Amino acid sequence: MGVSVWQILIIVLVVVLLFGARRLPELGKSLGEAINGFKKGISTDDSIDVTEDKEKIEKGEEEAAQASAKENSKEKA
């Protein structure tokens, strides 16, 4: 009931005919990266850090202040 050598050869032949010999290394690389990404996703901690950096908050406040100042100067003009 196992997979025989002939079955593997037929599958390889069909894959080569479908994708071409030039694209097989690209497909193998993409498949390997996908598997590694999946394994990494499974093995990492599921917790999500939603805290913001203090620098990002301060930068956002500065940008908001600059934007409102521009709007105020346009309204006055």
PDB file of N, CA and C in Angstrom:
ATOM      1  N   MET A   1       0.805  -1.196   0.000  1.00  0.00           N
ATOM      2  CA  MET A   1       0.000   0.000   0.000  1.00  0.00           C
ATOM      3  C   MET A   1       0.851   1.264   0.000  1.00  0.00           C
ATOM      4  N   GLY A   2       2.157   1.120   0.129  1.00  0.00           N
ATOM      5  CA  GLY A   2       3.032   2.279   0.135  1.00  0.00           C
ATOM      6  C   GLY A   2       3.204   2.854  -1.261  1.00  0.00           C
ATOM      7  N   VAL A   3       3.865   3.976  -1.328  1.00  0.00           N
ATOM      8  CA  VAL A   3       4.118   4.647  -2.600  1.00  0.00           C
ATOM      9  C   VAL A   3       5.329   3.989  -3.244  1.00  0.00           C
ATOM     10  N   SER A   4       5.156   3.575  -4.492  1.00  0.00           N
ATOM     11  CA  SER A   4       6.256   2.902  -5.185  1.00  0.00           C
ATOM     12  C   SER A   4       7.119   3.920  -5.929  1.00  0.00           C
ATOM     13  N   VAL A   5       8.244   3.468  -6.407  1.00  0.00           N
ATOM     14  CA  VAL A   5       9.175   4.320  -7.153  1.00  0.00           C
ATOM     15  C   VAL A   5       8.531   4.806  -8.440  1.00  0.00           C
ATOM     16  N   TRP A   6       7.760   3.952  -9.097  1.00  0.00           N
ATOM     17  CA  TRP A   6       7.105   4.330 -10.352  1.00  0.00           C
ATOM     18  C   TRP A   6       6.091   5.450 -10.126  1.00  0.00           C
ATOM     19  N   GLN A   7       5.365   5.402  -9.035  1.00  0.00           N
ATOM     20  CA  GLN A   7       4.387   6.451  -8.743  1.00  0.00           C
ATOM     21  C   GLN A   7       5.081   7.789  -8.498  1.00  0.00           C
ATOM     22  N   ILE A   8       6.196   7.758  -7.798  1.00  0.00           N
ATOM     23  CA  ILE A   8       6.951   8.989  -7.546  1.00  0.00           C
ATOM     24  C   ILE A   8       7.494   9.550  -8.854  1.00  0.00           C
ATOM     25  N   LEU A   9       8.019   8.695  -9.730  1.00  0.00           N
ATOM     26  CA  LEU A   9       8.542   9.149 -11.019  1.00  0.00           C
ATOM     27  C   LEU A   9       7.442   9.765 -11.883  1.00  0.00           C
ATOM     28  N   ILE A  10       6.275   9.170 -11.871  1.00  0.00           N
ATOM     29  CA  ILE A  10       5.164   9.719 -12.653  1.00  0.00           C
ATOM     30  C   ILE A  10       4.762  11.086 -12.117  1.00  0.00           C
ATOM     31  N   ILE A  11       4.711  11.243 -10.804  1.00  0.00           N
ATOM     32  CA  ILE A  11       4.360  12.532 -10.210  1.00  0.00           C
ATOM     33  C   ILE A  11       5.410  13.584 -10.556  1.00  0.00           C
ATOM     34  N   VAL A  12       6.684  13.228 -10.479  1.00  0.00           N
ATOM     35  CA  VAL A  12       7.765  14.161 -10.827  1.00  0.00           C
ATOM     36  C   VAL A  12       7.666  14.562 -12.297  1.00  0.00           C
ATOM     37  N   LEU A  13       7.394  13.616 -13.165  1.00  0.00           N
ATOM     38  CA  LEU A  13       7.259  13.900 -14.594  1.00  0.00           C
ATOM     39  C   LEU A  13       6.105  14.858 -14.854  1.00  0.00           C
ATOM     40  N   VAL A  14       4.979  14.643 -14.214  1.00  0.00           N
ATOM     41  CA  VAL A  14       3.823  15.527 -14.396  1.00  0.00           C
ATOM     42  C   VAL A  14       4.143  16.937 -13.895  1.00  0.00           C
ATOM     43  N   VAL A  15       4.823  17.037 -12.770  1.00  0.00           N
ATOM     44  CA  VAL A  15       5.190  18.358 -12.228  1.00  0.00           C
ATOM     45  C   VAL A  15       6.139  19.075 -13.184  1.00  0.00           C
ATOM     46  N   VAL A  16       7.107  18.373 -13.723  1.00  0.00           N
ATOM     47  CA  VAL A  16       8.053  18.984 -14.672  1.00  0.00           C
ATOM     48  C   VAL A  16       7.317  19.438 -15.929  1.00  0.00           C
ATOM     49  N   LEU A  17       6.390  18.644 -16.398  1.00  0.00           N
ATOM     50  CA  LEU A  17       5.633  19.035 -17.585  1.00  0.00           C
ATOM     51  C   LEU A  17       4.733  20.241 -17.319  1.00  0.00           C
ATOM     52  N   LEU A  18       4.153  20.304 -16.148  1.00  0.00           N
ATOM     53  CA  LEU A  18       3.260  21.421 -15.830  1.00  0.00           C
ATOM     54  C   LEU A  18       4.007  22.731 -15.613  1.00  0.00           C
ATOM     55  N   PHE A  19       5.090  22.689 -14.853  1.00  0.00           N
ATOM     56  CA  PHE A  19       5.760  23.924 -14.459  1.00  0.00           C
ATOM     57  C   PHE A  19       7.045  24.198 -15.222  1.00  0.00           C
ATOM     58  N   GLY A  20       7.623  23.219 -15.852  1.00  0.00           N
ATOM     59  CA  GLY A  20       8.881  23.416 -16.559  1.00  0.00           C
ATOM     60  C   GLY A  20      10.063  23.293 -15.623  1.00  0.00           C
ATOM     61  N   ALA A  21      11.175  22.876 -16.181  1.00  0.00           N
ATOM     62  CA  ALA A  21      12.373  22.628 -15.372  1.00  0.00           C
ATOM     63  C   ALA A  21      12.959  23.921 -14.804  1.00  0.00           C
ATOM     64  N   ARG A  22      12.744  25.039 -15.465  1.00  0.00           N
ATOM     65  CA  ARG A  22      13.317  26.303 -15.003  1.00  0.00           C
ATOM     66  C   ARG A  22      12.607  26.836 -13.762  1.00  0.00           C
ATOM     67  N   ARG A  23      11.313  26.571 -13.634  1.00  0.00           N
ATOM     68  CA  ARG A  23      10.554  27.113 -12.504  1.00  0.00           C
ATOM     69  C   ARG A  23      10.598  26.224 -11.274  1.00  0.00           C
ATOM     70  N   LEU A  24      11.067  25.003 -11.403  1.00  0.00           N
ATOM     71  CA  LEU A  24      11.084  24.091 -10.254  1.00  0.00           C
ATOM     72  C   LEU A  24      11.918  24.603  -9.079  1.00  0.00           C
ATOM     73  N   PRO A  25      13.121  25.163  -9.301  1.00  0.00           N
ATOM     74  CA  PRO A  25      13.857  25.701  -8.145  1.00  0.00           C
ATOM     75  C   PRO A  25      13.115  26.846  -7.447  1.00  0.00           C
ATOM     76  N   GLU A  26      12.450  27.684  -8.235  1.00  0.00           N
ATOM     77  CA  GLU A  26      11.681  28.779  -7.653  1.00  0.00           C
ATOM     78  C   GLU A  26      10.525  28.241  -6.812  1.00  0.00           C
ATOM     79  N   LEU A  27       9.851  27.228  -7.339  1.00  0.00           N
ATOM     80  CA  LEU A  27       8.738  26.626  -6.601  1.00  0.00           C
ATOM     81  C   LEU A  27       9.221  25.960  -5.318  1.00  0.00           C
ATOM     82  N   GLY A  28      10.359  25.283  -5.393  1.00  0.00           N
ATOM     83  CA  GLY A  28      10.917  24.648  -4.201  1.00  0.00           C
ATOM     84  C   GLY A  28      11.294  25.669  -3.142  1.00  0.00           C
ATOM     85  N   LYS A  29      11.890  26.775  -3.575  1.00  0.00           N
ATOM     86  CA  LYS A  29      12.276  27.824  -2.644  1.00  0.00           C
ATOM     87  C   LYS A  29      11.041  28.444  -1.990  1.00  0.00           C
ATOM     88  N   SER A  30      10.026  28.729  -2.794  1.00  0.00           N
ATOM     89  CA  SER A  30       8.800  29.311  -2.257  1.00  0.00           C
ATOM     90  C   SER A  30       8.114  28.361  -1.281  1.00  0.00           C
ATOM     91  N   LEU A  31       8.098  27.090  -1.614  1.00  0.00           N
ATOM     92  CA  LEU A  31       7.486  26.099  -0.733  1.00  0.00           C
ATOM     93  C   LEU A  31       8.256  26.005   0.581  1.00  0.00           C
ATOM     94  N   GLY A  32       9.575  26.002   0.504  1.00  0.00           N
ATOM     95  CA  GLY A  32      10.404  25.952   1.715  1.00  0.00           C
ATOM     96  C   GLY A  32      10.193  27.165   2.604  1.00  0.00           C
ATOM     97  N   GLU A  33      10.113  28.364   1.995  1.00  0.00           N
ATOM     98  CA  GLU A  33       9.877  29.577   2.777  1.00  0.00           C
ATOM     99  C   GLU A  33       8.500  29.547   3.425  1.00  0.00           C
ATOM    100  N   ALA A  34       7.522  29.022   2.706  1.00  0.00           N
ATOM    101  CA  ALA A  34       6.173  28.937   3.261  1.00  0.00           C
ATOM    102  C   ALA A  34       6.136  27.981   4.449  1.00  0.00           C
ATOM    103  N   ILE A  35       6.811  26.851   4.328  1.00  0.00           N
ATOM    104  CA  ILE A  35       6.844  25.884   5.423  1.00  0.00           C
ATOM    105  C   ILE A  35       7.559  26.466   6.628  1.00  0.00           C
ATOM    106  N   ASN A  36       8.691  27.151   6.390  1.00  0.00           N
ATOM    107  CA  ASN A  36       9.424  27.777   7.499  1.00  0.00           C
ATOM    108  C   ASN A  36       8.593  28.861   8.180  1.00  0.00           C
ATOM    109  N   GLY A  37       7.891  29.655   7.387  1.00  0.00           N
ATOM    110  CA  GLY A  37       7.027  30.674   7.963  1.00  0.00           C
ATOM    111  C   GLY A  37       5.905  30.077   8.788  1.00  0.00           C
ATOM    112  N   PHE A  38       5.339  28.992   8.304  1.00  0.00           N
ATOM    113  CA  PHE A  38       4.273  28.312   9.038  1.00  0.00           C
ATOM    114  C   PHE A  38       4.794  27.759  10.357  1.00  0.00           C
ATOM    115  N   LYS A  39       5.970  27.120  10.311  1.00  0.00           N
ATOM    116  CA  LYS A  39       6.559  26.581  11.541  1.00  0.00           C
ATOM    117  C   LYS A  39       6.874  27.692  12.534  1.00  0.00           C
ATOM    118  N   LYS A  40       7.387  28.810  12.028  1.00  0.00           N
ATOM    119  CA  LYS A  40       7.705  29.931  12.896  1.00  0.00           C
ATOM    120  C   LYS A  40       6.431  30.494  13.530  1.00  0.00           C
ATOM    121  N   GLY A  41       5.373  30.576  12.753  1.00  0.00           N
ATOM    122  CA  GLY A  41       4.108  31.072  13.270  1.00  0.00           C
ATOM    123  C   GLY A  41       3.512  30.158  14.320  1.00  0.00           C
ATOM    124  N   ILE A  42       3.705  28.873  14.157  1.00  0.00           N
ATOM    125  CA  ILE A  42       3.170  27.913  15.116  1.00  0.00           C
ATOM    126  C   ILE A  42       3.971  27.955  16.422  1.00  0.00           C
ATOM    127  N   SER A  43       5.287  28.119  16.317  1.00  0.00           N
ATOM    128  CA  SER A  43       6.136  28.013  17.503  1.00  0.00           C
ATOM    129  C   SER A  43       6.248  29.307  18.304  1.00  0.00           C
ATOM    130  N   THR A  44       5.821  30.441  17.757  1.00  0.00           N
ATOM    131  CA  THR A  44       5.960  31.702  18.482  1.00  0.00           C
ATOM    132  C   THR A  44       4.839  31.875  19.493  1.00  0.00           C
ATOM    133  N   ASP A  45       5.054  32.810  20.404  1.00  0.00           N
ATOM    134  CA  ASP A  45       4.069  33.110  21.433  1.00  0.00           C
ATOM    135  C   ASP A  45       2.859  33.785  20.784  1.00  0.00           C
ATOM    136  N   ASP A  46       1.669  33.430  21.230  1.00  0.00           N
ATOM    137  CA  ASP A  46       0.445  33.957  20.643  1.00  0.00           C
ATOM    138  C   ASP A  46       0.047  35.321  21.179  1.00  0.00           C
ATOM    139  N   SER A  47       0.738  35.816  22.180  1.00  0.00           N
ATOM    140  CA  SER A  47       0.356  37.100  22.753  1.00  0.00           C
ATOM    141  C   SER A  47       0.727  38.233  21.805  1.00  0.00           C
ATOM    142  N   ILE A  48      -0.092  39.273  21.828  1.00  0.00           N
ATOM    143  CA  ILE A  48       0.117  40.426  20.965  1.00  0.00           C
ATOM    144  C   ILE A  48       0.404  41.624  21.848  1.00  0.00           C
ATOM    145  N   ASP A  49       1.482  42.342  21.531  1.00  0.00           N
ATOM    146  CA  ASP A  49       1.855  43.531  22.280  1.00  0.00           C
ATOM    147  C   ASP A  49       1.167  44.732  21.650  1.00  0.00           C
ATOM    148  N   VAL A  50       0.229  45.336  22.362  1.00  0.00           N
ATOM    149  CA  VAL A  50      -0.507  46.465  21.818  1.00  0.00           C
ATOM    150  C   VAL A  50      -0.082  47.788  22.440  1.00  0.00           C
ATOM    151  N   THR A  51       0.956  47.766  23.238  1.00  0.00           N
ATOM    152  CA  THR A  51       1.431  49.008  23.834  1.00  0.00           C
ATOM    153  C   THR A  51       2.191  49.810  22.793  1.00  0.00           C
ATOM    154  N   GLU A  52       2.033  51.107  22.873  1.00  0.00           N
ATOM    155  CA  GLU A  52       2.715  51.973  21.922  1.00  0.00           C
ATOM    156  C   GLU A  52       3.990  52.515  22.548  1.00  0.00           C
ATOM    157  N   ASP A  53       4.962  52.753  21.708  1.00  0.00           N
ATOM    158  CA  ASP A  53       6.196  53.369  22.176  1.00  0.00           C
ATOM    159  C   ASP A  53       5.933  54.834  22.506  1.00  0.00           C
ATOM    160  N   LYS A  54       6.609  55.308  23.527  1.00  0.00           N
ATOM    161  CA  LYS A  54       6.445  56.700  23.934  1.00  0.00           C
ATOM    162  C   LYS A  54       6.874  57.646  22.817  1.00  0.00           C
ATOM    163  N   GLU A  55       7.921  57.273  22.084  1.00  0.00           N
ATOM    164  CA  GLU A  55       8.410  58.116  20.986  1.00  0.00           C
ATOM    165  C   GLU A  55       7.372  58.222  19.880  1.00  0.00           C
ATOM    166  N   LYS A  56       6.692  57.120  19.562  1.00  0.00           N
ATOM    167  CA  LYS A  56       5.672  57.149  18.519  1.00  0.00           C
ATOM    168  C   LYS A  56       4.508  58.040  18.923  1.00  0.00           C
ATOM    169  N   ILE A  57       4.128  57.975  20.190  1.00  0.00           N
ATOM    170  CA  ILE A  57       3.021  58.802  20.669  1.00  0.00           C
ATOM    171  C   ILE A  57       3.390  60.276  20.572  1.00  0.00           C
ATOM    172  N   GLU A  58       4.599  60.612  21.017  1.00  0.00           N
ATOM    173  CA  GLU A  58       5.039  62.006  20.973  1.00  0.00           C
ATOM    174  C   GLU A  58       5.137  62.496  19.533  1.00  0.00           C
ATOM    175  N   LYS A  59       5.627  61.655  18.631  1.00  0.00           N
ATOM    176  CA  LYS A  59       5.744  62.036  17.224  1.00  0.00           C
ATOM    177  C   LYS A  59       4.366  62.272  16.623  1.00  0.00           C
ATOM    178  N   GLY A  60       3.426  61.406  16.952  1.00  0.00           N
ATOM    179  CA  GLY A  60       2.061  61.558  16.451  1.00  0.00           C
ATOM    180  C   GLY A  60       1.416  62.831  16.957  1.00  0.00           C
ATOM    181  N   GLU A  61       1.658  63.176  18.226  1.00  0.00           N
ATOM    182  CA  GLU A  61       1.117  64.416  18.781  1.00  0.00           C
ATOM    183  C   GLU A  61       1.712  65.632  18.092  1.00  0.00           C
ATOM    184  N   GLU A  62       3.014  65.579  17.799  1.00  0.00           N
ATOM    185  CA  GLU A  62       3.663  66.696  17.105  1.00  0.00           C
ATOM    186  C   GLU A  62       3.096  66.867  15.703  1.00  0.00           C
ATOM    187  N   GLU A  63       2.914  65.769  14.986  1.00  0.00           N
ATOM    188  CA  GLU A  63       2.364  65.842  13.636  1.00  0.00           C
ATOM    189  C   GLU A  63       0.937  66.366  13.663  1.00  0.00           C
ATOM    190  N   ALA A  64       0.150  65.957  14.639  1.00  0.00           N
ATOM    191  CA  ALA A  64      -1.223  66.438  14.753  1.00  0.00           C
ATOM    192  C   ALA A  64      -1.247  67.933  15.036  1.00  0.00           C
ATOM    193  N   ALA A  65      -0.327  68.397  15.885  1.00  0.00           N
ATOM    194  CA  ALA A  65      -0.254  69.819  16.203  1.00  0.00           C
ATOM    195  C   ALA A  65       0.137  70.625  14.973  1.00  0.00           C
ATOM    196  N   GLN A  66       1.072  70.122  14.192  1.00  0.00           N
ATOM    197  CA  GLN A  66       1.484  70.814  12.974  1.00  0.00           C
ATOM    198  C   GLN A  66       0.353  70.864  11.964  1.00  0.00           C
ATOM    199  N   ALA A  67      -0.391  69.779  11.837  1.00  0.00           N
ATOM    200  CA  ALA A  67      -1.496  69.734  10.883  1.00  0.00           C
ATOM    201  C   ALA A  67      -2.597  70.715  11.283  1.00  0.00           C
ATOM    202  N   SER A  68      -2.905  70.782  12.571  1.00  0.00           N
ATOM    203  CA  SER A  68      -3.948  71.713  13.007  1.00  0.00           C
ATOM    204  C   SER A  68      -3.485  73.159  12.853  1.00  0.00           C
ATOM    205  N   ALA A  69      -2.201  73.403  13.040  1.00  0.00           N
ATOM    206  CA  ALA A  69      -1.674  74.758  12.848  1.00  0.00           C
ATOM    207  C   ALA A  69      -1.783  75.177  11.393  1.00  0.00           C
ATOM    208  N   LYS A  70      -1.530  74.259  10.486  1.00  0.00           N
ATOM    209  CA  LYS A  70      -1.660  74.567   9.059  1.00  0.00           C
ATOM    210  C   LYS A  70      -3.109  74.867   8.702  1.00  0.00           C
ATOM    211  N   GLU A  71      -4.037  74.076   9.264  1.00  0.00           N
ATOM    212  CA  GLU A  71      -5.458  74.294   8.984  1.00  0.00           C
ATOM    213  C   GLU A  71      -5.916  75.641   9.523  1.00  0.00           C
ATOM    214  N   ASN A  72      -5.446  75.997  10.707  1.00  0.00           N
ATOM    215  CA  ASN A  72      -5.818  77.276  11.301  1.00  0.00           C
ATOM    216  C   ASN A  72      -5.298  78.443  10.474  1.00  0.00           C
ATOM    217  N   SER A  73      -4.091  78.312   9.946  1.00  0.00           N
ATOM    218  CA  SER A  73      -3.507  79.405   9.140  1.00  0.00           C
ATOM    219  C   SER A  73      -4.243  79.514   7.806  1.00  0.00           C
ATOM    220  N   LYS A  74      -4.724  78.420   7.257  1.00  0.00           N
ATOM    221  CA  LYS A  74      -5.485  78.465   6.005  1.00  0.00           C
ATOM    222  C   LYS A  74      -6.843  79.108   6.223  1.00  0.00           C
ATOM    223  N   GLU A  75      -7.472  78.835   7.367  1.00  0.00           N
ATOM    224  CA  GLU A  75      -8.775  79.407   7.658  1.00  0.00           C
ATOM    225  C   GLU A  75      -8.688  80.913   7.862  1.00  0.00           C
ATOM    226  N   LYS A  76      -7.601  81.383   8.450  1.00  0.00           N
ATOM    227  CA  LYS A  76      -7.426  82.805   8.705  1.00  0.00           C
ATOM    228  C   LYS A  76      -7.145  83.567   7.418  1.00  0.00           C
ATOM    229  N   ALA A  77      -6.558  82.897   6.444  1.00  0.00           N
ATOM    230  CA  ALA A  77      -6.176  83.580   5.203  1.00  0.00           C
ATOM    231  C   ALA A  77      -7.323  83.791   4.260  1.00  0.00           C
TER     232      ALA A  77
END
